[in-house]
Amino acid sequence: MFNKVILAASAAVLFSGTAMAADAIVYNEPAPAVEVNTFSWEGAYVGANAGYGFGKMKEDGVSIKPRGFVGGVQAGYNWQFDQVVAGIEADFQGSTMKKSVDFYDAAGAYEGTVKGKVQWFGTVRGRLGADIAERTMLYGTAGLAYGKVKIEGYDAAQDVSESASKTRAGWTAGAGVEHAFTDNVTLKTEYLYTDLGKVKFSDGADVSKVKTNFHTVRVGVNYKF
């Protein structure tokens, strides 16, 4: 009888210790997985863009300010080094930037008309940028610009019309921001200042050089391969 009591007491103590040990076990929840940004800007891309251009054609105090729609296509390649992105891009743009100005003498008599137009232009630029947020890049850009500029003039006193249409080379610089909505599709907003130098223009007996520069603001969509 005494042995049975001892055995029962031992079993009770053993069961109680096991239960307390079970109660003491703490299960820690696993740490949340850290999301890793696997997107890279590196690679080739092509795209299209559209926007607005406005500028100035100036010679000897005479200034006309062409403005209008611009739109075209672009292609390029990016290399990525951690958060730094370097690349090269070329684009070709159609343009409706134009302006016509009439001139009058002090008495209000008509003297003539000057018309200016940027018919098309393109650029070949380097780009250097950095990730400022996930899938968002801020960049600067600069390089070669080229384009066709047309100048027309009419001298009422001599009843003479003249025109000059030439392709000129110059430079361009600007900045932009680009965001990747998917691994392949990106959207950019970009500003460029472009200087195409001077175009020689003969208005009757006079020969002048017309300086052309303009600003463009455009939105583009790219497909990255």
N, C-alpha and C. Protein backbone atom coordinates (compact mmCIF):
# COMPACT_ATOMS: atom_id res chain seq x y z
N MET A 1 0.84 -1.21 0.00
CA MET A 1 0.00 0.00 0.00
C MET A 1 0.86 1.24 0.00
N PHE A 2 1.88 1.22 0.84
CA PHE A 2 2.78 2.37 0.94
C PHE A 2 3.49 2.61 -0.39
N ASN A 3 3.87 1.50 -1.06
CA ASN A 3 4.55 1.62 -2.36
C ASN A 3 3.65 2.24 -3.41
N LYS A 4 2.37 1.93 -3.37
CA LYS A 4 1.41 2.50 -4.34
C LYS A 4 1.28 4.00 -4.14
N VAL A 5 1.28 4.41 -2.88
CA VAL A 5 1.15 5.86 -2.59
C VAL A 5 2.36 6.60 -3.11
N ILE A 6 3.56 6.04 -2.86
CA ILE A 6 4.80 6.67 -3.34
C ILE A 6 4.82 6.76 -4.85
N LEU A 7 4.37 5.68 -5.51
CA LEU A 7 4.36 5.64 -6.97
C LEU A 7 3.41 6.67 -7.54
N ALA A 8 2.23 6.80 -6.91
CA ALA A 8 1.25 7.77 -7.38
C ALA A 8 1.76 9.19 -7.19
N ALA A 9 2.40 9.45 -6.07
CA ALA A 9 2.93 10.79 -5.80
C ALA A 9 4.03 11.14 -6.78
N SER A 10 4.88 10.17 -7.08
CA SER A 10 5.97 10.42 -8.04
C SER A 10 5.42 10.74 -9.42
N ALA A 11 4.38 10.01 -9.82
CA ALA A 11 3.77 10.25 -11.13
C ALA A 11 3.17 11.63 -11.20
N ALA A 12 2.54 12.07 -10.10
CA ALA A 12 1.91 13.40 -10.08
C ALA A 12 2.96 14.48 -10.20
N VAL A 13 4.07 14.32 -9.48
CA VAL A 13 5.15 15.32 -9.54
C VAL A 13 5.74 15.37 -10.94
N LEU A 14 5.95 14.18 -11.54
CA LEU A 14 6.51 14.12 -12.89
C LEU A 14 5.60 14.78 -13.90
N PHE A 15 4.31 14.55 -13.83
CA PHE A 15 3.33 15.14 -14.76
C PHE A 15 3.29 16.65 -14.60
N SER A 16 3.34 17.09 -13.31
CA SER A 16 3.29 18.53 -13.05
C SER A 16 4.52 19.23 -13.62
N GLY A 17 5.70 18.62 -13.47
CA GLY A 17 6.93 19.21 -14.00
C GLY A 17 6.92 19.29 -15.51
N THR A 18 6.39 18.23 -16.14
CA THR A 18 6.31 18.22 -17.60
C THR A 18 5.40 19.31 -18.11
N ALA A 19 4.25 19.51 -17.45
CA ALA A 19 3.29 20.54 -17.85
C ALA A 19 3.89 21.92 -17.70
N MET A 20 4.63 22.14 -16.58
CA MET A 20 5.23 23.45 -16.37
C MET A 20 6.30 23.73 -17.42
N ALA A 21 7.05 22.68 -17.78
CA ALA A 21 8.08 22.86 -18.81
C ALA A 21 7.45 23.20 -20.15
N ALA A 22 6.30 22.55 -20.44
CA ALA A 22 5.61 22.85 -21.69
C ALA A 22 5.11 24.28 -21.71
N ASP A 23 4.59 24.72 -20.51
CA ASP A 23 4.10 26.10 -20.44
C ASP A 23 5.22 27.10 -20.60
N ALA A 24 6.45 26.72 -20.27
CA ALA A 24 7.57 27.67 -20.32
C ALA A 24 8.13 27.86 -21.73
N ILE A 25 7.76 26.99 -22.69
CA ILE A 25 8.28 27.10 -24.05
C ILE A 25 7.67 28.31 -24.74
N VAL A 26 8.49 29.18 -25.31
CA VAL A 26 8.02 30.38 -26.03
C VAL A 26 8.34 30.22 -27.50
N TYR A 27 7.32 30.37 -28.35
CA TYR A 27 7.49 30.26 -29.79
C TYR A 27 7.59 31.66 -30.39
N ASN A 28 8.75 32.03 -30.94
CA ASN A 28 8.92 33.34 -31.58
C ASN A 28 8.45 33.29 -33.02
N GLU A 29 7.69 34.34 -33.43
CA GLU A 29 7.24 34.41 -34.82
C GLU A 29 8.43 34.74 -35.71
N PRO A 30 8.48 34.15 -36.90
CA PRO A 30 9.60 34.45 -37.80
C PRO A 30 9.60 35.91 -38.21
N ALA A 31 10.78 36.49 -38.38
CA ALA A 31 10.90 37.90 -38.80
C ALA A 31 10.33 38.06 -40.21
N PRO A 32 9.66 39.18 -40.46
CA PRO A 32 9.10 39.39 -41.80
C PRO A 32 10.20 39.44 -42.85
N ALA A 33 9.90 38.91 -44.02
CA ALA A 33 10.88 38.89 -45.10
C ALA A 33 11.15 40.31 -45.59
N VAL A 34 12.41 40.63 -45.82
CA VAL A 34 12.80 41.95 -46.32
C VAL A 34 12.66 41.95 -47.84
N GLU A 35 11.87 42.91 -48.35
CA GLU A 35 11.66 42.98 -49.79
C GLU A 35 12.90 43.58 -50.46
N VAL A 36 13.47 42.88 -51.42
CA VAL A 36 14.68 43.31 -52.10
C VAL A 36 14.30 43.86 -53.47
N ASN A 37 14.79 45.07 -53.77
CA ASN A 37 14.53 45.68 -55.07
C ASN A 37 15.43 45.03 -56.11
N THR A 38 14.84 44.24 -56.98
CA THR A 38 15.60 43.52 -57.99
C THR A 38 15.58 44.24 -59.34
N PHE A 39 14.91 45.39 -59.44
CA PHE A 39 14.83 46.10 -60.72
C PHE A 39 16.17 46.74 -61.07
N SER A 40 16.53 46.67 -62.34
CA SER A 40 17.75 47.31 -62.82
C SER A 40 17.44 48.12 -64.07
N TRP A 41 18.06 49.31 -64.17
CA TRP A 41 17.89 50.15 -65.36
C TRP A 41 18.76 49.66 -66.51
N GLU A 42 19.66 48.75 -66.25
CA GLU A 42 20.62 48.36 -67.28
C GLU A 42 19.95 47.66 -68.45
N GLY A 43 20.39 48.03 -69.67
CA GLY A 43 19.86 47.39 -70.86
C GLY A 43 19.46 48.40 -71.92
N ALA A 44 19.06 47.87 -73.07
CA ALA A 44 18.63 48.70 -74.20
C ALA A 44 17.15 49.01 -74.10
N TYR A 45 16.74 50.12 -74.72
CA TYR A 45 15.33 50.50 -74.72
C TYR A 45 15.01 51.33 -75.97
N VAL A 46 13.73 51.35 -76.32
CA VAL A 46 13.21 52.20 -77.39
C VAL A 46 11.92 52.83 -76.88
N GLY A 47 11.52 53.94 -77.51
CA GLY A 47 10.30 54.59 -77.04
C GLY A 47 9.86 55.73 -77.93
N ALA A 48 8.84 56.42 -77.48
CA ALA A 48 8.27 57.56 -78.21
C ALA A 48 7.99 58.68 -77.22
N ASN A 49 7.91 59.91 -77.73
CA ASN A 49 7.68 61.05 -76.86
C ASN A 49 6.86 62.12 -77.56
N ALA A 50 6.30 63.03 -76.78
CA ALA A 50 5.55 64.17 -77.32
C ALA A 50 5.62 65.30 -76.31
N GLY A 51 5.57 66.53 -76.81
CA GLY A 51 5.64 67.66 -75.90
C GLY A 51 5.47 68.98 -76.61
N TYR A 52 6.03 70.03 -76.01
CA TYR A 52 5.86 71.40 -76.49
C TYR A 52 7.21 72.09 -76.54
N GLY A 53 7.41 72.89 -77.59
CA GLY A 53 8.65 73.62 -77.73
C GLY A 53 8.41 75.10 -77.91
N PHE A 54 9.32 75.91 -77.40
CA PHE A 54 9.23 77.36 -77.57
C PHE A 54 10.63 77.93 -77.56
N GLY A 55 10.88 78.93 -78.42
CA GLY A 55 12.24 79.42 -78.51
C GLY A 55 12.33 80.81 -79.06
N LYS A 56 13.51 81.11 -79.63
CA LYS A 56 13.77 82.46 -80.12
C LYS A 56 14.71 82.40 -81.32
N MET A 57 14.37 83.19 -82.34
CA MET A 57 15.26 83.43 -83.48
C MET A 57 15.56 84.92 -83.47
N LYS A 58 16.84 85.26 -83.36
CA LYS A 58 17.19 86.66 -83.12
C LYS A 58 18.34 87.11 -84.01
N GLU A 59 18.21 88.38 -84.51
CA GLU A 59 19.27 88.98 -85.31
C GLU A 59 19.12 90.50 -85.27
N ASP A 60 20.18 91.19 -84.83
CA ASP A 60 20.22 92.66 -84.82
C ASP A 60 18.98 93.28 -84.19
N GLY A 61 18.58 92.79 -83.04
CA GLY A 61 17.45 93.37 -82.33
C GLY A 61 16.10 92.88 -82.79
N VAL A 62 16.05 92.16 -83.92
CA VAL A 62 14.79 91.59 -84.41
C VAL A 62 14.66 90.18 -83.83
N SER A 63 13.56 89.92 -83.15
CA SER A 63 13.38 88.63 -82.48
C SER A 63 12.00 88.06 -82.78
N ILE A 64 11.96 86.83 -83.21
CA ILE A 64 10.70 86.11 -83.37
C ILE A 64 10.75 84.88 -82.48
N LYS A 65 9.60 84.48 -81.98
CA LYS A 65 9.55 83.42 -80.98
C LYS A 65 8.68 82.26 -81.46
N PRO A 66 9.27 81.32 -82.19
CA PRO A 66 8.50 80.15 -82.65
C PRO A 66 8.12 79.25 -81.49
N ARG A 67 6.97 78.63 -81.62
CA ARG A 67 6.51 77.67 -80.61
C ARG A 67 5.55 76.70 -81.25
N GLY A 68 5.42 75.50 -80.67
CA GLY A 68 4.52 74.52 -81.22
C GLY A 68 4.78 73.12 -80.68
N PHE A 69 4.14 72.15 -81.30
CA PHE A 69 4.20 70.75 -80.89
C PHE A 69 5.52 70.12 -81.34
N VAL A 70 6.06 69.23 -80.51
CA VAL A 70 7.20 68.39 -80.89
C VAL A 70 6.87 66.95 -80.53
N GLY A 71 7.34 66.03 -81.33
CA GLY A 71 7.10 64.62 -81.05
C GLY A 71 8.04 63.75 -81.85
N GLY A 72 8.41 62.61 -81.30
CA GLY A 72 9.34 61.75 -82.01
C GLY A 72 9.61 60.44 -81.32
N VAL A 73 10.75 59.87 -81.64
CA VAL A 73 11.14 58.55 -81.11
C VAL A 73 12.53 58.64 -80.52
N GLN A 74 12.84 57.69 -79.62
CA GLN A 74 14.17 57.65 -79.01
C GLN A 74 14.60 56.21 -78.79
N ALA A 75 15.91 56.03 -78.66
CA ALA A 75 16.48 54.72 -78.34
C ALA A 75 17.76 54.96 -77.55
N GLY A 76 18.08 54.01 -76.67
CA GLY A 76 19.27 54.20 -75.87
C GLY A 76 19.69 52.94 -75.14
N TYR A 77 20.73 53.10 -74.31
CA TYR A 77 21.25 51.99 -73.51
C TYR A 77 21.74 52.56 -72.18
N ASN A 78 21.43 51.84 -71.09
CA ASN A 78 21.86 52.24 -69.75
C ASN A 78 22.79 51.20 -69.15
N TRP A 79 23.72 51.68 -68.32
CA TRP A 79 24.55 50.83 -67.47
C TRP A 79 24.31 51.25 -66.03
N GLN A 80 24.17 50.29 -65.12
CA GLN A 80 23.90 50.63 -63.72
C GLN A 80 25.03 50.16 -62.83
N PHE A 81 25.46 51.06 -61.93
CA PHE A 81 26.51 50.78 -60.94
C PHE A 81 25.95 51.13 -59.57
N ASP A 82 25.42 50.12 -58.87
CA ASP A 82 24.71 50.35 -57.61
C ASP A 82 23.55 51.32 -57.86
N GLN A 83 23.58 52.52 -57.26
CA GLN A 83 22.49 53.48 -57.45
C GLN A 83 22.75 54.46 -58.59
N VAL A 84 23.91 54.40 -59.20
CA VAL A 84 24.27 55.31 -60.28
C VAL A 84 23.96 54.67 -61.63
N VAL A 85 23.35 55.46 -62.52
CA VAL A 85 22.99 54.98 -63.85
C VAL A 85 23.64 55.89 -64.89
N ALA A 86 24.38 55.31 -65.83
CA ALA A 86 24.99 56.05 -66.93
C ALA A 86 24.48 55.47 -68.24
N GLY A 87 24.25 56.33 -69.23
CA GLY A 87 23.72 55.82 -70.47
C GLY A 87 23.92 56.77 -71.63
N ILE A 88 23.47 56.35 -72.81
CA ILE A 88 23.51 57.16 -74.01
C ILE A 88 22.15 57.04 -74.69
N GLU A 89 21.68 58.15 -75.26
CA GLU A 89 20.37 58.16 -75.90
C GLU A 89 20.41 59.02 -77.16
N ALA A 90 19.71 58.58 -78.19
CA ALA A 90 19.54 59.35 -79.42
C ALA A 90 18.05 59.49 -79.69
N ASP A 91 17.65 60.66 -80.20
CA ASP A 91 16.24 60.86 -80.53
C ASP A 91 16.11 61.68 -81.81
N PHE A 92 14.95 61.57 -82.45
CA PHE A 92 14.63 62.37 -83.64
C PHE A 92 13.23 62.93 -83.47
N GLN A 93 13.08 64.25 -83.72
CA GLN A 93 11.83 64.93 -83.41
C GLN A 93 11.26 65.66 -84.63
N GLY A 94 9.97 65.48 -84.87
CA GLY A 94 9.26 66.37 -85.77
C GLY A 94 8.83 67.60 -84.99
N SER A 95 8.61 68.72 -85.68
CA SER A 95 8.32 69.97 -84.99
C SER A 95 7.36 70.84 -85.79
N THR A 96 6.45 71.49 -85.08
CA THR A 96 5.60 72.52 -85.68
C THR A 96 5.94 73.90 -85.12
N MET A 97 7.10 74.04 -84.47
CA MET A 97 7.48 75.33 -83.89
C MET A 97 7.68 76.37 -85.00
N LYS A 98 6.87 77.42 -84.99
CA LYS A 98 6.99 78.46 -86.01
C LYS A 98 6.37 79.76 -85.50
N LYS A 99 6.73 80.85 -86.18
CA LYS A 99 6.19 82.16 -85.83
C LYS A 99 6.37 83.11 -87.01
N SER A 100 5.38 83.99 -87.20
CA SER A 100 5.43 85.01 -88.24
C SER A 100 5.24 86.38 -87.59
N VAL A 101 6.10 87.35 -87.95
CA VAL A 101 6.03 88.69 -87.37
C VAL A 101 6.00 89.72 -88.49
N ASP A 102 5.03 90.63 -88.43
CA ASP A 102 4.95 91.75 -89.37
C ASP A 102 5.59 92.98 -88.75
N PHE A 103 6.21 93.81 -89.61
CA PHE A 103 6.88 95.02 -89.14
C PHE A 103 6.27 96.26 -89.79
N TYR A 104 6.20 97.34 -89.00
CA TYR A 104 5.61 98.60 -89.46
C TYR A 104 6.54 99.74 -89.08
N ASP A 105 6.52 100.81 -89.87
CA ASP A 105 7.33 101.98 -89.53
C ASP A 105 6.60 102.85 -88.51
N ALA A 106 7.22 103.98 -88.15
CA ALA A 106 6.65 104.85 -87.11
C ALA A 106 5.29 105.40 -87.51
N ALA A 107 5.06 105.53 -88.80
CA ALA A 107 3.78 106.06 -89.27
C ALA A 107 2.72 104.98 -89.39
N GLY A 108 3.11 103.73 -89.15
CA GLY A 108 2.14 102.63 -89.22
C GLY A 108 2.08 101.95 -90.57
N ALA A 109 3.00 102.33 -91.49
CA ALA A 109 3.01 101.70 -92.81
C ALA A 109 3.72 100.34 -92.74
N TYR A 110 3.18 99.39 -93.46
CA TYR A 110 3.72 98.02 -93.47
C TYR A 110 5.08 98.00 -94.14
N GLU A 111 6.08 97.38 -93.47
CA GLU A 111 7.44 97.30 -94.01
C GLU A 111 7.80 95.90 -94.51
N GLY A 112 7.28 94.88 -93.85
CA GLY A 112 7.63 93.54 -94.28
C GLY A 112 7.27 92.50 -93.24
N THR A 113 7.63 91.25 -93.54
CA THR A 113 7.30 90.11 -92.67
C THR A 113 8.51 89.19 -92.57
N VAL A 114 8.72 88.67 -91.39
CA VAL A 114 9.75 87.64 -91.16
C VAL A 114 9.08 86.42 -90.55
N LYS A 115 9.39 85.24 -91.11
CA LYS A 115 8.85 83.98 -90.61
C LYS A 115 10.00 83.07 -90.21
N GLY A 116 9.83 82.37 -89.12
CA GLY A 116 10.84 81.42 -88.68
C GLY A 116 10.20 80.10 -88.29
N LYS A 117 10.91 79.00 -88.58
CA LYS A 117 10.37 77.67 -88.25
C LYS A 117 11.50 76.70 -87.96
N VAL A 118 11.32 75.88 -86.92
CA VAL A 118 12.18 74.73 -86.66
C VAL A 118 11.45 73.53 -87.26
N GLN A 119 11.96 73.00 -88.38
CA GLN A 119 11.24 71.97 -89.11
C GLN A 119 11.39 70.58 -88.47
N TRP A 120 12.58 70.27 -88.01
CA TRP A 120 12.83 69.03 -87.28
C TRP A 120 14.16 69.16 -86.56
N PHE A 121 14.40 68.29 -85.60
CA PHE A 121 15.68 68.28 -84.90
C PHE A 121 15.90 66.93 -84.24
N GLY A 122 17.13 66.69 -83.83
CA GLY A 122 17.47 65.46 -83.14
C GLY A 122 18.63 65.69 -82.20
N THR A 123 18.87 64.74 -81.33
CA THR A 123 19.99 64.85 -80.38
C THR A 123 20.66 63.49 -80.19
N VAL A 124 21.93 63.54 -79.80
CA VAL A 124 22.66 62.36 -79.33
C VAL A 124 23.30 62.78 -78.02
N ARG A 125 22.87 62.17 -76.91
CA ARG A 125 23.22 62.68 -75.58
C ARG A 125 23.72 61.58 -74.65
N GLY A 126 24.56 61.98 -73.72
CA GLY A 126 24.88 61.14 -72.59
C GLY A 126 23.89 61.42 -71.47
N ARG A 127 23.66 60.42 -70.62
CA ARG A 127 22.78 60.60 -69.46
C ARG A 127 23.50 60.07 -68.21
N LEU A 128 23.35 60.81 -67.12
CA LEU A 128 23.92 60.37 -65.85
C LEU A 128 22.90 60.63 -64.76
N GLY A 129 22.51 59.56 -64.07
CA GLY A 129 21.45 59.70 -63.07
C GLY A 129 21.67 58.84 -61.85
N ALA A 130 20.69 58.89 -60.96
CA ALA A 130 20.77 58.11 -59.72
C ALA A 130 19.36 57.75 -59.27
N ASP A 131 19.23 56.58 -58.64
CA ASP A 131 17.96 56.18 -58.04
C ASP A 131 17.67 57.09 -56.85
N ILE A 132 16.54 57.80 -56.89
CA ILE A 132 16.15 58.63 -55.75
C ILE A 132 15.03 57.97 -54.95
N ALA A 133 14.44 56.93 -55.50
CA ALA A 133 13.42 56.13 -54.84
C ALA A 133 13.34 54.82 -55.60
N GLU A 134 12.57 53.88 -55.05
CA GLU A 134 12.45 52.59 -55.72
C GLU A 134 11.87 52.76 -57.11
N ARG A 135 12.62 52.34 -58.14
CA ARG A 135 12.23 52.39 -59.54
C ARG A 135 12.11 53.81 -60.10
N THR A 136 12.66 54.80 -59.42
CA THR A 136 12.60 56.19 -59.88
C THR A 136 14.01 56.75 -60.00
N MET A 137 14.30 57.33 -61.17
CA MET A 137 15.64 57.86 -61.44
C MET A 137 15.56 59.34 -61.81
N LEU A 138 16.44 60.13 -61.21
CA LEU A 138 16.62 61.54 -61.57
C LEU A 138 17.93 61.63 -62.35
N TYR A 139 17.92 62.34 -63.50
CA TYR A 139 19.13 62.35 -64.33
C TYR A 139 19.35 63.71 -64.99
N GLY A 140 20.61 63.95 -65.35
CA GLY A 140 21.00 65.07 -66.19
C GLY A 140 21.44 64.53 -67.53
N THR A 141 21.38 65.37 -68.56
CA THR A 141 21.72 64.91 -69.90
C THR A 141 22.28 66.05 -70.73
N ALA A 142 23.22 65.75 -71.63
CA ALA A 142 23.82 66.76 -72.49
C ALA A 142 24.48 66.08 -73.68
N GLY A 143 24.60 66.85 -74.80
CA GLY A 143 25.26 66.28 -75.96
C GLY A 143 25.05 67.10 -77.21
N LEU A 144 25.16 66.42 -78.35
CA LEU A 144 25.05 67.03 -79.67
C LEU A 144 23.59 67.22 -80.06
N ALA A 145 23.31 68.35 -80.72
CA ALA A 145 21.99 68.59 -81.30
C ALA A 145 22.15 68.97 -82.77
N TYR A 146 21.15 68.65 -83.57
CA TYR A 146 21.16 69.03 -84.98
C TYR A 146 19.71 69.27 -85.39
N GLY A 147 19.51 70.08 -86.41
CA GLY A 147 18.14 70.35 -86.83
C GLY A 147 18.08 71.22 -88.07
N LYS A 148 16.90 71.27 -88.66
CA LYS A 148 16.69 72.08 -89.86
C LYS A 148 15.86 73.31 -89.51
N VAL A 149 16.42 74.48 -89.83
CA VAL A 149 15.79 75.76 -89.52
C VAL A 149 15.47 76.48 -90.82
N LYS A 150 14.28 77.07 -90.90
CA LYS A 150 13.88 77.81 -92.09
C LYS A 150 13.53 79.25 -91.72
N ILE A 151 14.11 80.20 -92.46
CA ILE A 151 13.85 81.62 -92.28
C ILE A 151 13.30 82.18 -93.59
N GLU A 152 12.22 82.94 -93.53
CA GLU A 152 11.65 83.60 -94.70
C GLU A 152 11.45 85.08 -94.40
N GLY A 153 11.70 85.92 -95.40
CA GLY A 153 11.51 87.35 -95.19
C GLY A 153 10.92 88.01 -96.42
N TYR A 154 10.12 89.03 -96.19
CA TYR A 154 9.54 89.82 -97.28
C TYR A 154 9.78 91.30 -97.00
N ASP A 155 10.40 92.00 -97.96
CA ASP A 155 10.66 93.43 -97.87
C ASP A 155 9.65 94.14 -98.75
N ALA A 156 8.71 94.85 -98.13
CA ALA A 156 7.63 95.49 -98.89
C ALA A 156 8.16 96.63 -99.75
N ALA A 157 9.15 97.36 -99.28
CA ALA A 157 9.68 98.50 -100.04
C ALA A 157 10.29 98.06 -101.35
N GLN A 158 10.98 96.92 -101.35
CA GLN A 158 11.62 96.41 -102.56
C GLN A 158 10.79 95.33 -103.25
N ASP A 159 9.71 94.91 -102.58
CA ASP A 159 8.87 93.82 -103.08
C ASP A 159 9.72 92.58 -103.38
N VAL A 160 10.55 92.22 -102.40
CA VAL A 160 11.47 91.09 -102.54
C VAL A 160 11.22 90.09 -101.42
N SER A 161 11.15 88.80 -101.80
CA SER A 161 11.03 87.72 -100.83
C SER A 161 12.28 86.85 -100.88
N GLU A 162 12.78 86.48 -99.72
CA GLU A 162 13.95 85.62 -99.62
C GLU A 162 13.69 84.56 -98.56
N SER A 163 14.40 83.44 -98.69
CA SER A 163 14.28 82.38 -97.68
C SER A 163 15.59 81.61 -97.58
N ALA A 164 15.80 81.02 -96.43
CA ALA A 164 16.97 80.16 -96.21
C ALA A 164 16.52 78.99 -95.35
N SER A 165 16.89 77.78 -95.78
CA SER A 165 16.55 76.57 -95.03
C SER A 165 17.81 75.72 -94.92
N LYS A 166 18.32 75.59 -93.71
CA LYS A 166 19.59 74.91 -93.52
C LYS A 166 19.56 73.98 -92.33
N THR A 167 20.35 72.92 -92.44
CA THR A 167 20.54 71.99 -91.32
C THR A 167 21.76 72.44 -90.53
N ARG A 168 21.57 72.64 -89.25
CA ARG A 168 22.62 73.15 -88.39
C ARG A 168 22.91 72.17 -87.26
N ALA A 169 24.14 72.23 -86.74
CA ALA A 169 24.53 71.42 -85.59
C ALA A 169 24.82 72.35 -84.41
N GLY A 170 24.53 71.87 -83.22
CA GLY A 170 24.76 72.67 -82.02
C GLY A 170 24.86 71.77 -80.80
N TRP A 171 24.29 72.21 -79.70
CA TRP A 171 24.39 71.45 -78.46
C TRP A 171 23.06 71.51 -77.70
N THR A 172 22.92 70.60 -76.76
CA THR A 172 21.71 70.56 -75.95
C THR A 172 22.06 70.07 -74.55
N ALA A 173 21.26 70.48 -73.57
CA ALA A 173 21.45 70.04 -72.18
C ALA A 173 20.13 70.14 -71.45
N GLY A 174 19.96 69.30 -70.44
CA GLY A 174 18.71 69.33 -69.69
C GLY A 174 18.71 68.32 -68.56
N ALA A 175 17.51 67.97 -68.12
CA ALA A 175 17.35 67.05 -66.99
C ALA A 175 15.99 66.39 -67.10
N GLY A 176 15.82 65.30 -66.34
CA GLY A 176 14.55 64.60 -66.37
C GLY A 176 14.39 63.65 -65.20
N VAL A 177 13.21 63.08 -65.10
CA VAL A 177 12.93 62.06 -64.09
C VAL A 177 12.20 60.93 -64.79
N GLU A 178 12.56 59.69 -64.45
CA GLU A 178 11.99 58.51 -65.11
C GLU A 178 11.57 57.49 -64.06
N HIS A 179 10.39 56.89 -64.26
CA HIS A 179 9.88 55.90 -63.32
C HIS A 179 9.50 54.63 -64.06
N ALA A 180 9.88 53.49 -63.49
CA ALA A 180 9.56 52.19 -64.08
C ALA A 180 8.28 51.65 -63.45
N PHE A 181 7.22 51.54 -64.25
CA PHE A 181 5.95 51.00 -63.76
C PHE A 181 5.97 49.47 -63.74
N THR A 182 6.72 48.88 -64.65
CA THR A 182 6.95 47.44 -64.65
C THR A 182 8.43 47.22 -64.92
N ASP A 183 8.85 45.97 -65.02
CA ASP A 183 10.25 45.69 -65.34
C ASP A 183 10.61 46.12 -66.76
N ASN A 184 9.61 46.37 -67.60
CA ASN A 184 9.88 46.71 -69.00
C ASN A 184 9.38 48.09 -69.43
N VAL A 185 8.37 48.63 -68.78
CA VAL A 185 7.75 49.88 -69.21
C VAL A 185 8.10 51.02 -68.26
N THR A 186 8.66 52.10 -68.82
CA THR A 186 9.02 53.27 -68.02
C THR A 186 8.40 54.53 -68.62
N LEU A 187 8.19 55.52 -67.78
CA LEU A 187 7.64 56.81 -68.20
C LEU A 187 8.59 57.91 -67.75
N LYS A 188 8.89 58.86 -68.64
CA LYS A 188 9.81 59.94 -68.27
C LYS A 188 9.22 61.30 -68.61
N THR A 189 9.63 62.31 -67.84
CA THR A 189 9.36 63.71 -68.13
C THR A 189 10.71 64.39 -68.25
N GLU A 190 10.89 65.18 -69.33
CA GLU A 190 12.23 65.68 -69.63
C GLU A 190 12.19 67.11 -70.15
N TYR A 191 13.18 67.90 -69.73
CA TYR A 191 13.37 69.27 -70.24
C TYR A 191 14.71 69.34 -70.96
N LEU A 192 14.73 70.02 -72.13
CA LEU A 192 15.98 70.23 -72.87
C LEU A 192 16.06 71.67 -73.35
N TYR A 193 17.25 72.25 -73.25
CA TYR A 193 17.56 73.52 -73.90
C TYR A 193 18.46 73.19 -75.09
N THR A 194 18.12 73.72 -76.27
CA THR A 194 18.85 73.39 -77.48
C THR A 194 19.30 74.66 -78.20
N ASP A 195 20.55 74.69 -78.61
CA ASP A 195 21.12 75.82 -79.35
C ASP A 195 21.65 75.30 -80.68
N LEU A 196 21.07 75.79 -81.79
CA LEU A 196 21.48 75.35 -83.11
C LEU A 196 22.37 76.36 -83.83
N GLY A 197 22.89 77.32 -83.10
CA GLY A 197 23.82 78.26 -83.71
C GLY A 197 23.14 79.26 -84.62
N LYS A 198 23.86 79.71 -85.66
CA LYS A 198 23.37 80.78 -86.53
C LYS A 198 23.17 80.30 -87.97
N VAL A 199 22.14 80.85 -88.61
CA VAL A 199 21.84 80.56 -90.00
C VAL A 199 21.99 81.85 -90.80
N LYS A 200 22.78 81.81 -91.89
CA LYS A 200 22.92 82.98 -92.75
C LYS A 200 21.64 83.19 -93.55
N PHE A 201 21.20 84.45 -93.60
CA PHE A 201 19.95 84.78 -94.28
C PHE A 201 20.15 86.06 -95.06
N SER A 202 19.79 86.02 -96.36
CA SER A 202 19.90 87.18 -97.23
C SER A 202 18.52 87.78 -97.46
N ASP A 203 18.37 89.04 -97.08
CA ASP A 203 17.11 89.76 -97.27
C ASP A 203 17.38 90.91 -98.23
N GLY A 204 17.26 90.63 -99.53
CA GLY A 204 17.59 91.64 -100.52
C GLY A 204 19.09 91.82 -100.58
N ALA A 205 19.54 93.05 -100.33
CA ALA A 205 20.98 93.35 -100.37
C ALA A 205 21.67 93.04 -99.05
N ASP A 206 20.90 92.81 -98.00
CA ASP A 206 21.48 92.58 -96.68
C ASP A 206 21.66 91.09 -96.40
N VAL A 207 22.77 90.78 -95.74
CA VAL A 207 23.04 89.41 -95.30
C VAL A 207 23.16 89.43 -93.78
N SER A 208 22.40 88.59 -93.12
CA SER A 208 22.42 88.56 -91.66
C SER A 208 22.56 87.12 -91.18
N LYS A 209 22.88 86.98 -89.90
CA LYS A 209 22.98 85.67 -89.27
C LYS A 209 21.93 85.59 -88.16
N VAL A 210 21.04 84.62 -88.28
CA VAL A 210 19.94 84.46 -87.34
C VAL A 210 20.28 83.34 -86.36
N LYS A 211 20.33 83.67 -85.08
CA LYS A 211 20.64 82.70 -84.03
C LYS A 211 19.36 82.01 -83.58
N THR A 212 19.41 80.68 -83.46
CA THR A 212 18.23 79.89 -83.09
C THR A 212 18.50 79.07 -81.83
N ASN A 213 17.65 79.25 -80.83
CA ASN A 213 17.68 78.39 -79.64
C ASN A 213 16.27 78.20 -79.13
N PHE A 214 16.02 77.09 -78.45
CA PHE A 214 14.67 76.81 -78.00
C PHE A 214 14.67 75.85 -76.81
N HIS A 215 13.54 75.80 -76.14
CA HIS A 215 13.30 74.92 -74.99
C HIS A 215 12.25 73.88 -75.39
N THR A 216 12.39 72.68 -74.88
CA THR A 216 11.35 71.65 -75.07
C THR A 216 11.05 70.97 -73.73
N VAL A 217 9.78 70.71 -73.53
CA VAL A 217 9.31 69.93 -72.38
C VAL A 217 8.50 68.79 -72.95
N ARG A 218 8.85 67.56 -72.61
CA ARG A 218 8.19 66.42 -73.24
C ARG A 218 8.02 65.26 -72.27
N VAL A 219 7.08 64.40 -72.61
CA VAL A 219 6.81 63.18 -71.86
C VAL A 219 7.07 62.00 -72.79
N GLY A 220 7.77 60.99 -72.30
CA GLY A 220 8.09 59.85 -73.14
C GLY A 220 7.80 58.52 -72.46
N VAL A 221 7.54 57.52 -73.27
CA VAL A 221 7.33 56.15 -72.80
C VAL A 221 8.40 55.27 -73.43
N ASN A 222 9.07 54.46 -72.61
CA ASN A 222 10.11 53.56 -73.11
C ASN A 222 9.75 52.11 -72.82
N TYR A 223 10.20 51.24 -73.71
CA TYR A 223 10.13 49.79 -73.47
C TYR A 223 11.55 49.29 -73.33
N LYS A 224 11.87 48.73 -72.16
CA LYS A 224 13.21 48.23 -71.87
C LYS A 224 13.29 46.73 -72.12
N PHE A 225 14.29 46.33 -72.86
CA PHE A 225 14.46 44.91 -73.19
C PHE A 225 15.18 44.16 -72.08
